[in-house]
Amino acid sequence: MKFLVIRGLPGSGRSTLAQQLAQGGMVLSLDQYLKQPPPGSDIFTSGHIGYAWAELYQAVAAQVAAATPRIIVETISVHLWEVRDLWRLAEAAGYAVDAAEPQTPWARDPKRCMEKTHLVVSRASMKRLVEDWEGPATRETVEQAMSPEERLQQMRWLASRADSVRTLEEQQNLERFVMENFSRR
């Protein structure tokens, strides 16, 4: 059984690549779950993308549970941690998991992608997507990727360790000061 994650910017050629690689498999696209955003917003600022992700994950889980032999998930997923749960779900069910990205000449060109996408994406959002792009997606890079919440938790843990070390150093300095100044009497 094969499971392929295709990541790319809106308009980069994700859907075309997914169709080329489908070979009779089930193609599930984040785009099919995105709703039209209200005027003045885009798919990233409207809050719709979180709901679309939840629906996509449910659809993927259903296909994995049905042991569909070939599943292709086509998504934006700028950050590698965004595909980690899908990757783990597929591996746990015995799928051979891989990832691909469109290799079109405009794949990272925000202006060209804006011209080609059917999604409502602002220039600012597209620019941010290009700037924040993480890749390539491999089993190792996906497993090592951390969500913003995980990064914050790690930073808090590191800060607590630094506070402990500082507290220990301060305690040792105080003990040394006491020994040097008060134990001679």
C-alpha atoms as a PDB file:
ATOM      1  CA  MET A   1       0.000   0.000   0.000  1.00  0.00           C
ATOM      2  CA  LYS A   2       1.278   3.462  -0.908  1.00  0.00           C
ATOM      3  CA  PHE A   3       0.592   6.844   0.629  1.00  0.00           C
ATOM      4  CA  LEU A   4       1.902  10.009  -1.013  1.00  0.00           C
ATOM      5  CA  VAL A   5       1.775  13.530   0.412  1.00  0.00           C
ATOM      6  CA  ILE A   6       2.070  16.262  -2.210  1.00  0.00           C
ATOM      7  CA  ARG A   7       2.915  19.646  -0.710  1.00  0.00           C
ATOM      8  CA  GLY A   8       3.031  22.916  -2.589  1.00  0.00           C
ATOM      9  CA  LEU A   9       1.926  26.504  -2.693  1.00  0.00           C
ATOM     10  CA  PRO A  10      -1.499  27.355  -4.102  1.00  0.00           C
ATOM     11  CA  GLY A  11      -1.063  27.558  -7.884  1.00  0.00           C
ATOM     12  CA  SER A  12       2.265  25.687  -7.887  1.00  0.00           C
ATOM     13  CA  GLY A  13       0.973  22.614  -9.714  1.00  0.00           C
ATOM     14  CA  ARG A  14      -0.009  20.385  -6.771  1.00  0.00           C
ATOM     15  CA  SER A  15      -3.289  19.237  -8.276  1.00  0.00           C
ATOM     16  CA  THR A  16      -1.741  18.531 -11.665  1.00  0.00           C
ATOM     17  CA  LEU A  17       1.046  16.509 -10.060  1.00  0.00           C
ATOM     18  CA  ALA A  18      -1.467  14.593  -7.926  1.00  0.00           C
ATOM     19  CA  GLN A  19      -3.475  13.642 -11.020  1.00  0.00           C
ATOM     20  CA  GLN A  20      -0.303  12.604 -12.879  1.00  0.00           C
ATOM     21  CA  LEU A  21       0.761  10.343 -10.000  1.00  0.00           C
ATOM     22  CA  ALA A  22      -2.711   9.010  -9.126  1.00  0.00           C
ATOM     23  CA  GLN A  23      -2.440   5.775 -11.143  1.00  0.00           C
ATOM     24  CA  GLY A  24      -5.957   4.815 -10.149  1.00  0.00           C
ATOM     25  CA  GLY A  25      -5.456   5.785  -6.518  1.00  0.00           C
ATOM     26  CA  MET A  26      -7.617   7.965  -4.306  1.00  0.00           C
ATOM     27  CA  VAL A  27      -6.666  11.659  -4.472  1.00  0.00           C
ATOM     28  CA  LEU A  28      -7.731  13.756  -1.491  1.00  0.00           C
ATOM     29  CA  SER A  29      -7.117  17.482  -1.712  1.00  0.00           C
ATOM     30  CA  LEU A  30      -7.228  20.156   0.958  1.00  0.00           C
ATOM     31  CA  ASP A  31      -8.684  22.453  -1.702  1.00  0.00           C
ATOM     32  CA  GLN A  32     -11.892  20.410  -1.932  1.00  0.00           C
ATOM     33  CA  TYR A  33     -12.645  21.194   1.727  1.00  0.00           C
ATOM     34  CA  LEU A  34     -11.867  24.920   1.599  1.00  0.00           C
ATOM     35  CA  LYS A  35     -14.874  27.205   1.585  1.00  0.00           C
ATOM     36  CA  GLN A  36     -15.092  30.577  -0.121  1.00  0.00           C
ATOM     37  CA  PRO A  37     -13.807  33.154   2.411  1.00  0.00           C
ATOM     38  CA  PRO A  38     -15.842  36.262   3.169  1.00  0.00           C
ATOM     39  CA  PRO A  39     -14.985  39.454   1.253  1.00  0.00           C
ATOM     40  CA  GLY A  40     -11.821  41.136   2.466  1.00  0.00           C
ATOM     41  CA  SER A  41     -10.166  37.930   3.687  1.00  0.00           C
ATOM     42  CA  ASP A  42      -8.480  34.909   2.177  1.00  0.00           C
ATOM     43  CA  ILE A  43      -8.332  31.212   3.017  1.00  0.00           C
ATOM     44  CA  PHE A  44      -5.599  31.867   5.582  1.00  0.00           C
ATOM     45  CA  THR A  45      -7.089  34.880   7.367  1.00  0.00           C
ATOM     46  CA  SER A  46     -10.714  33.689   7.376  1.00  0.00           C
ATOM     47  CA  GLY A  47     -10.110  30.771   9.736  1.00  0.00           C
ATOM     48  CA  HIS A  48     -11.499  28.277   7.208  1.00  0.00           C
ATOM     49  CA  ILE A  49      -8.265  26.389   6.725  1.00  0.00           C
ATOM     50  CA  GLY A  50      -8.433  24.775  10.187  1.00  0.00           C
ATOM     51  CA  TYR A  51     -11.862  23.331   9.409  1.00  0.00           C
ATOM     52  CA  ALA A  52     -10.681  22.179   5.989  1.00  0.00           C
ATOM     53  CA  TRP A  53      -7.721  20.396   7.616  1.00  0.00           C
ATOM     54  CA  ALA A  54     -10.023  18.605  10.049  1.00  0.00           C
ATOM     55  CA  GLU A  55     -12.266  17.430   7.205  1.00  0.00           C
ATOM     56  CA  LEU A  56      -9.276  16.343   5.111  1.00  0.00           C
ATOM     57  CA  TYR A  57      -7.848  14.364   8.027  1.00  0.00           C
ATOM     58  CA  GLN A  58     -11.185  12.598   8.551  1.00  0.00           C
ATOM     59  CA  ALA A  59     -11.378  11.712   4.847  1.00  0.00           C
ATOM     60  CA  VAL A  60      -7.803  10.399   4.884  1.00  0.00           C
ATOM     61  CA  ALA A  61      -8.475   8.377   8.052  1.00  0.00           C
ATOM     62  CA  ALA A  62     -11.515   6.806   6.388  1.00  0.00           C
ATOM     63  CA  GLN A  63      -9.467   5.799   3.332  1.00  0.00           C
ATOM     64  CA  VAL A  64      -6.688   4.396   5.529  1.00  0.00           C
ATOM     65  CA  ALA A  65      -9.268   2.436   7.568  1.00  0.00           C
ATOM     66  CA  ALA A  66     -10.678   1.063   4.311  1.00  0.00           C
ATOM     67  CA  ALA A  67      -7.133   0.002   3.318  1.00  0.00           C
ATOM     68  CA  THR A  68      -7.329   1.906   0.026  1.00  0.00           C
ATOM     69  CA  PRO A  69      -4.222   0.640  -1.794  1.00  0.00           C
ATOM     70  CA  ARG A  70      -2.984   4.011  -3.079  1.00  0.00           C
ATOM     71  CA  ILE A  71      -3.770   7.297  -1.347  1.00  0.00           C
ATOM     72  CA  ILE A  72      -2.510  10.688  -2.509  1.00  0.00           C
ATOM     73  CA  VAL A  73      -3.013  13.654  -0.198  1.00  0.00           C
ATOM     74  CA  GLU A  74      -2.559  17.003  -1.886  1.00  0.00           C
ATOM     75  CA  THR A  75      -2.116  19.926   0.492  1.00  0.00           C
ATOM     76  CA  ILE A  76      -0.446  23.280   1.018  1.00  0.00           C
ATOM     77  CA  SER A  77       1.308  22.333   4.304  1.00  0.00           C
ATOM     78  CA  VAL A  78       3.997  24.988   4.441  1.00  0.00           C
ATOM     79  CA  HIS A  79       5.269  23.608   7.752  1.00  0.00           C
ATOM     80  CA  LEU A  80       6.446  20.018   7.964  1.00  0.00           C
ATOM     81  CA  TRP A  81       4.692  19.386  11.286  1.00  0.00           C
ATOM     82  CA  GLU A  82       1.391  19.937   9.488  1.00  0.00           C
ATOM     83  CA  VAL A  83       1.701  16.567   7.707  1.00  0.00           C
ATOM     84  CA  ARG A  84       3.151  14.636  10.657  1.00  0.00           C
ATOM     85  CA  ASP A  85      -0.167  13.195  11.883  1.00  0.00           C
ATOM     86  CA  LEU A  86      -1.099  12.081   8.356  1.00  0.00           C
ATOM     87  CA  TRP A  87       2.331  10.474   7.937  1.00  0.00           C
ATOM     88  CA  ARG A  88       2.054   8.651  11.272  1.00  0.00           C
ATOM     89  CA  LEU A  89      -1.503   7.507  10.558  1.00  0.00           C
ATOM     90  CA  ALA A  90      -0.464   5.988   7.229  1.00  0.00           C
ATOM     91  CA  GLU A  91       2.697   4.342   8.576  1.00  0.00           C
ATOM     92  CA  ALA A  92       0.802   2.837  11.516  1.00  0.00           C
ATOM     93  CA  ALA A  93      -1.586   1.223   9.019  1.00  0.00           C
ATOM     94  CA  GLY A  94       1.291  -0.291   7.055  1.00  0.00           C
ATOM     95  CA  TYR A  95       1.532   2.179   4.185  1.00  0.00           C
ATOM     96  CA  ALA A  96       4.814   3.047   2.499  1.00  0.00           C
ATOM     97  CA  VAL A  97       4.787   6.834   2.876  1.00  0.00           C
ATOM     98  CA  ASP A  98       6.559   9.332   0.652  1.00  0.00           C
ATOM     99  CA  ALA A  99       6.283  13.006  -0.234  1.00  0.00           C
ATOM    100  CA  ALA A 100       6.609  15.074  -3.393  1.00  0.00           C
ATOM    101  CA  GLU A 101       6.464  18.710  -4.414  1.00  0.00           C
ATOM    102  CA  PRO A 102       5.673  20.273  -7.778  1.00  0.00           C
ATOM    103  CA  GLN A 103       8.811  20.973  -9.780  1.00  0.00           C
ATOM    104  CA  THR A 104       7.248  23.638 -11.973  1.00  0.00           C
ATOM    105  CA  PRO A 105       9.449  26.656 -12.801  1.00  0.00           C
ATOM    106  CA  TRP A 106       7.041  28.844 -10.785  1.00  0.00           C
ATOM    107  CA  ALA A 107       6.647  26.564  -7.744  1.00  0.00           C
ATOM    108  CA  ARG A 108       8.156  29.220  -5.400  1.00  0.00           C
ATOM    109  CA  ASP A 109       7.258  32.314  -7.413  1.00  0.00           C
ATOM    110  CA  PRO A 110       4.477  34.069  -5.480  1.00  0.00           C
ATOM    111  CA  LYS A 111       3.402  36.234  -8.420  1.00  0.00           C
ATOM    112  CA  ARG A 112       3.062  33.306 -10.846  1.00  0.00           C
ATOM    113  CA  CYS A 113       1.358  31.140  -8.221  1.00  0.00           C
ATOM    114  CA  MET A 114      -1.123  33.972  -7.562  1.00  0.00           C
ATOM    115  CA  GLU A 115      -1.917  34.062 -11.291  1.00  0.00           C
ATOM    116  CA  LYS A 116      -2.485  30.305 -11.458  1.00  0.00           C
ATOM    117  CA  THR A 117      -4.377  29.482  -8.254  1.00  0.00           C
ATOM    118  CA  HIS A 118      -8.157  29.219  -8.104  1.00  0.00           C
ATOM    119  CA  LEU A 119      -8.035  29.796  -4.328  1.00  0.00           C
ATOM    120  CA  VAL A 120      -8.559  33.211  -2.747  1.00  0.00           C
ATOM    121  CA  VAL A 121      -5.097  34.060  -1.413  1.00  0.00           C
ATOM    122  CA  SER A 122      -3.874  37.598  -0.680  1.00  0.00           C
ATOM    123  CA  ARG A 123      -0.462  38.766  -1.823  1.00  0.00           C
ATOM    124  CA  ALA A 124       0.609  39.088   1.810  1.00  0.00           C
ATOM    125  CA  SER A 125      -0.444  35.502   2.578  1.00  0.00           C
ATOM    126  CA  MET A 126       1.287  34.127  -0.528  1.00  0.00           C
ATOM    127  CA  LYS A 127       4.468  36.030   0.351  1.00  0.00           C
ATOM    128  CA  ARG A 128       4.351  34.621   3.894  1.00  0.00           C
ATOM    129  CA  LEU A 129       3.861  31.098   2.520  1.00  0.00           C
ATOM    130  CA  VAL A 130       6.966  31.423   0.351  1.00  0.00           C
ATOM    131  CA  GLU A 131       9.021  32.873   3.228  1.00  0.00           C
ATOM    132  CA  ASP A 132       7.885  30.208   5.710  1.00  0.00           C
ATOM    133  CA  TRP A 133       8.202  27.204   3.374  1.00  0.00           C
ATOM    134  CA  GLU A 134       9.914  24.228   5.034  1.00  0.00           C
ATOM    135  CA  GLY A 135      11.170  21.316   3.067  1.00  0.00           C
ATOM    136  CA  PRO A 136      11.770  18.812   1.779  1.00  0.00           C
ATOM    137  CA  ALA A 137       9.442  16.393   3.528  1.00  0.00           C
ATOM    138  CA  THR A 138      11.101  13.130   4.480  1.00  0.00           C
ATOM    139  CA  ARG A 139      10.272  10.770   7.311  1.00  0.00           C
ATOM    140  CA  GLU A 140      13.110  12.279   9.362  1.00  0.00           C
ATOM    141  CA  THR A 141      12.304  15.944   8.693  1.00  0.00           C
ATOM    142  CA  VAL A 142       8.593  15.409   9.354  1.00  0.00           C
ATOM    143  CA  GLU A 143       9.261  13.573  12.634  1.00  0.00           C
ATOM    144  CA  GLN A 144      11.717  16.251  13.792  1.00  0.00           C
ATOM    145  CA  ALA A 145       9.465  19.171  12.881  1.00  0.00           C
ATOM    146  CA  MET A 146       7.802  20.959  15.773  1.00  0.00           C
ATOM    147  CA  SER A 147       4.522  22.816  15.851  1.00  0.00           C
ATOM    148  CA  PRO A 148       4.483  26.320  17.354  1.00  0.00           C
ATOM    149  CA  GLU A 149       2.999  24.862  20.561  1.00  0.00           C
ATOM    150  CA  GLU A 150       5.771  22.258  20.781  1.00  0.00           C
ATOM    151  CA  ARG A 151       8.432  24.946  20.182  1.00  0.00           C
ATOM    152  CA  LEU A 152       6.929  27.076  22.938  1.00  0.00           C
ATOM    153  CA  GLN A 153       6.885  24.102  25.300  1.00  0.00           C
ATOM    154  CA  GLN A 154      10.531  23.345  24.485  1.00  0.00           C
ATOM    155  CA  MET A 155      11.524  26.992  25.020  1.00  0.00           C
ATOM    156  CA  ARG A 156       9.727  27.013  28.374  1.00  0.00           C
ATOM    157  CA  TRP A 157      11.509  23.813  29.385  1.00  0.00           C
ATOM    158  CA  LEU A 158      14.885  25.238  28.330  1.00  0.00           C
ATOM    159  CA  ALA A 159      14.142  28.468  30.197  1.00  0.00           C
ATOM    160  CA  SER A 160      13.253  26.497  33.325  1.00  0.00           C
ATOM    161  CA  ARG A 161      16.532  24.573  33.024  1.00  0.00           C
ATOM    162  CA  ALA A 162      18.429  27.855  32.631  1.00  0.00           C
ATOM    163  CA  ASP A 163      16.631  29.236  35.708  1.00  0.00           C
ATOM    164  CA  SER A 164      17.637  26.120  37.656  1.00  0.00           C
ATOM    165  CA  VAL A 165      21.251  26.484  36.598  1.00  0.00           C
ATOM    166  CA  ARG A 166      21.239  30.173  37.423  1.00  0.00           C
ATOM    167  CA  THR A 167      19.650  29.448  40.782  1.00  0.00           C
ATOM    168  CA  LEU A 168      22.272  26.780  41.479  1.00  0.00           C
ATOM    169  CA  GLU A 169      25.083  29.158  40.484  1.00  0.00           C
ATOM    170  CA  GLU A 170      23.613  31.887  42.640  1.00  0.00           C
ATOM    171  CA  GLN A 171      23.346  29.443  45.539  1.00  0.00           C
ATOM    172  CA  GLN A 172      26.968  28.373  45.113  1.00  0.00           C
ATOM    173  CA  ASN A 173      28.091  32.007  44.971  1.00  0.00           C
ATOM    174  CA  LEU A 174      26.127  32.784  48.123  1.00  0.00           C
ATOM    175  CA  GLU A 175      27.632  29.779  49.915  1.00  0.00           C
ATOM    176  CA  ARG A 176      31.117  30.854  48.835  1.00  0.00           C
ATOM    177  CA  PHE A 177      30.426  34.417  50.014  1.00  0.00           C
ATOM    178  CA  VAL A 178      29.166  33.163  53.390  1.00  0.00           C
ATOM    179  CA  MET A 179      32.175  30.866  53.831  1.00  0.00           C
ATOM    180  CA  GLU A 180      34.638  33.587  52.920  1.00  0.00           C
ATOM    181  CA  ASN A 181      33.072  36.354  54.984  1.00  0.00           C
ATOM    182  CA  PHE A 182      31.421  34.746  57.983  1.00  0.00           C
ATOM    183  CA  SER A 183      33.076  31.441  58.777  1.00  0.00           C
ATOM    184  CA  ARG A 184      36.378  33.064  59.916  1.00  0.00           C
ATOM    185  CA  ARG A 185      34.928  34.546  63.075  1.00  0.00           C
END
